[in-house]
C-alpha atoms as a PDB file:
ATOM      1  CA  MET A   1     -10.900  -1.273  -9.143  1.00  0.00           C
ATOM      2  CA  LYS A   2     -10.688  -2.975  -5.873  1.00  0.00           C
ATOM      3  CA  GLU A   3      -9.568  -1.070  -2.745  1.00  0.00           C
ATOM      4  CA  ILE A   4      -6.266  -1.221  -1.735  1.00  0.00           C
ATOM      5  CA  TRP A   5      -5.065  -1.460   2.179  1.00  0.00           C
ATOM      6  CA  MET A   6      -2.175   0.243   2.852  1.00  0.00           C
ATOM      7  CA  PHE A   7      -0.493  -0.211   6.564  1.00  0.00           C
ATOM      8  CA  HIS A   8       1.954   2.648   7.070  1.00  0.00           C
ATOM      9  CA  LEU A   9       3.644   4.721   9.858  1.00  0.00           C
ATOM     10  CA  PRO A  10       3.871   8.247   9.648  1.00  0.00           C
ATOM     11  CA  ASN A  11       7.433   8.588   9.555  1.00  0.00           C
ATOM     12  CA  CYS A  12       8.449   5.305   8.116  1.00  0.00           C
ATOM     13  CA  PRO A  13      10.917   6.223   5.352  1.00  0.00           C
ATOM     14  CA  TYR A  14       9.844   3.163   3.599  1.00  0.00           C
ATOM     15  CA  CYS A  15       6.339   4.027   3.880  1.00  0.00           C
ATOM     16  CA  LEU A  16       7.099   7.712   2.511  1.00  0.00           C
ATOM     17  CA  GLU A  17       8.836   6.109  -0.435  1.00  0.00           C
ATOM     18  CA  ALA A  18       6.153   3.842  -1.360  1.00  0.00           C
ATOM     19  CA  LYS A  19       3.869   6.505  -1.388  1.00  0.00           C
ATOM     20  CA  ARG A  20       5.626   8.731  -3.543  1.00  0.00           C
ATOM     21  CA  TYR A  21       6.060   5.215  -6.006  1.00  0.00           C
ATOM     22  CA  VAL A  22       2.460   5.372  -6.159  1.00  0.00           C
ATOM     23  CA  GLU A  23       1.779   8.715  -7.232  1.00  0.00           C
ATOM     24  CA  GLU A  24       4.501   8.201  -9.798  1.00  0.00           C
ATOM     25  CA  VAL A  25       2.797   5.134 -11.048  1.00  0.00           C
ATOM     26  CA  ARG A  26      -0.500   7.218 -11.196  1.00  0.00           C
ATOM     27  CA  ARG A  27       0.931   9.829 -13.249  1.00  0.00           C
ATOM     28  CA  GLU A  28       2.836   7.191 -15.587  1.00  0.00           C
ATOM     29  CA  ASP A  29      -0.427   5.044 -16.068  1.00  0.00           C
ATOM     30  CA  PRO A  30      -3.695   6.779 -15.646  1.00  0.00           C
ATOM     31  CA  ALA A  31      -5.248   3.384 -15.484  1.00  0.00           C
ATOM     32  CA  TYR A  32      -4.157   3.468 -11.778  1.00  0.00           C
ATOM     33  CA  ALA A  33      -5.511   6.724 -11.029  1.00  0.00           C
ATOM     34  CA  ALA A  34      -8.610   5.264 -10.075  1.00  0.00           C
ATOM     35  CA  ALA A  35      -7.155   2.917  -7.410  1.00  0.00           C
ATOM     36  CA  GLN A  36      -8.621   3.873  -4.010  1.00  0.00           C
ATOM     37  CA  ILE A  37      -6.135   3.545  -1.046  1.00  0.00           C
ATOM     38  CA  ARG A  38      -6.879   3.425   2.355  1.00  0.00           C
ATOM     39  CA  MET A  39      -3.961   4.125   4.355  1.00  0.00           C
ATOM     40  CA  ILE A  40      -4.095   2.589   7.537  1.00  0.00           C
ATOM     41  CA  ASP A  41      -1.562   4.297  10.389  1.00  0.00           C
ATOM     42  CA  GLU A  42      -0.667   1.159  12.202  1.00  0.00           C
ATOM     43  CA  ALA A  43       0.054   3.124  15.355  1.00  0.00           C
ATOM     44  CA  ALA A  44      -3.493   5.080  15.341  1.00  0.00           C
ATOM     45  CA  GLU A  45      -5.488   1.841  14.492  1.00  0.00           C
ATOM     46  CA  GLY A  46      -3.672  -0.614  16.312  1.00  0.00           C
ATOM     47  CA  GLU A  47      -6.759  -2.959  17.343  1.00  0.00           C
ATOM     48  CA  LEU A  48      -7.374  -3.107  13.173  1.00  0.00           C
ATOM     49  CA  ALA A  49      -3.831  -3.719  12.095  1.00  0.00           C
ATOM     50  CA  SER A  50      -3.097  -6.609  14.506  1.00  0.00           C
ATOM     51  CA  GLN A  51      -6.008  -8.448  12.871  1.00  0.00           C
ATOM     52  CA  TYR A  52      -3.716  -8.798   9.658  1.00  0.00           C
ATOM     53  CA  ASP A  53      -0.408 -11.103   9.243  1.00  0.00           C
ATOM     54  CA  TYR A  54       2.307  -8.838   8.367  1.00  0.00           C
ATOM     55  CA  TYR A  55       5.192  -7.786  10.593  1.00  0.00           C
ATOM     56  CA  TYR A  56       6.938  -4.944   8.626  1.00  0.00           C
ATOM     57  CA  VAL A  57       5.300  -1.524   7.104  1.00  0.00           C
ATOM     58  CA  PRO A  58       4.350  -0.635   4.280  1.00  0.00           C
ATOM     59  CA  SER A  59       2.067  -3.745   3.913  1.00  0.00           C
ATOM     60  CA  PHE A  60      -0.508  -3.629   1.225  1.00  0.00           C
ATOM     61  CA  TYR A  61      -3.522  -5.665   0.965  1.00  0.00           C
ATOM     62  CA  VAL A  62      -6.002  -6.097  -1.866  1.00  0.00           C
ATOM     63  CA  ASP A  63      -9.358  -8.022  -0.790  1.00  0.00           C
ATOM     64  CA  GLY A  64      -7.889  -8.915   2.121  1.00  0.00           C
ATOM     65  CA  LYS A  65      -4.552 -10.742   0.506  1.00  0.00           C
ATOM     66  CA  LYS A  66      -1.260  -9.615   1.349  1.00  0.00           C
ATOM     67  CA  MET A  67       0.465  -8.329  -2.223  1.00  0.00           C
ATOM     68  CA  HIS A  68       3.412  -7.039  -0.592  1.00  0.00           C
ATOM     69  CA  GLU A  69       5.264  -6.055   2.747  1.00  0.00           C
ATOM     70  CA  GLY A  70       8.119  -3.952   3.681  1.00  0.00           C
ATOM     71  CA  ALA A  71      10.494  -1.566   1.520  1.00  0.00           C
ATOM     72  CA  ALA A  72       9.285  -1.498  -1.924  1.00  0.00           C
ATOM     73  CA  THR A  73      10.323  -0.988  -5.297  1.00  0.00           C
ATOM     74  CA  LYS A  74       8.145   1.109  -7.982  1.00  0.00           C
ATOM     75  CA  ASP A  75       7.870  -2.328 -10.004  1.00  0.00           C
ATOM     76  CA  GLN A  76       6.472  -4.141  -6.865  1.00  0.00           C
ATOM     77  CA  ILE A  77       4.021  -0.673  -6.349  1.00  0.00           C
ATOM     78  CA  ARG A  78       3.277  -1.089  -9.852  1.00  0.00           C
ATOM     79  CA  ALA A  79       2.302  -4.968  -8.928  1.00  0.00           C
ATOM     80  CA  VAL A  80      -0.094  -4.034  -6.214  1.00  0.00           C
ATOM     81  CA  LEU A  81      -1.798  -1.576  -8.246  1.00  0.00           C
ATOM     82  CA  LYS A  82      -2.187  -4.187 -11.261  1.00  0.00           C
ATOM     83  CA  ALA A  83      -3.587  -6.792  -9.045  1.00  0.00           C
ATOM     84  CA  ALA A  84      -6.464  -4.182  -7.778  1.00  0.00           C
ATOM     85  CA  LYS A  85      -7.609  -3.563 -11.151  1.00  0.00           C
END
């Protein structure tokens, strides 16, 4: 699987919800359990974050391509994981 990058902020409620959805999807479909997600704290890694074109967190990238930005549904998270296959 391709590595997924997730730009987030530690106290962002939408980011916390997206992380919960990731875990739920992984439990529901073991094929996604192997997905590697690099969590990038936008505040701590501002220089890296500034190199990517997004405005809202959470933002997900697969192979440098933005797959989702902002509040996410469980189905949108599933689509991100599927894109990493």
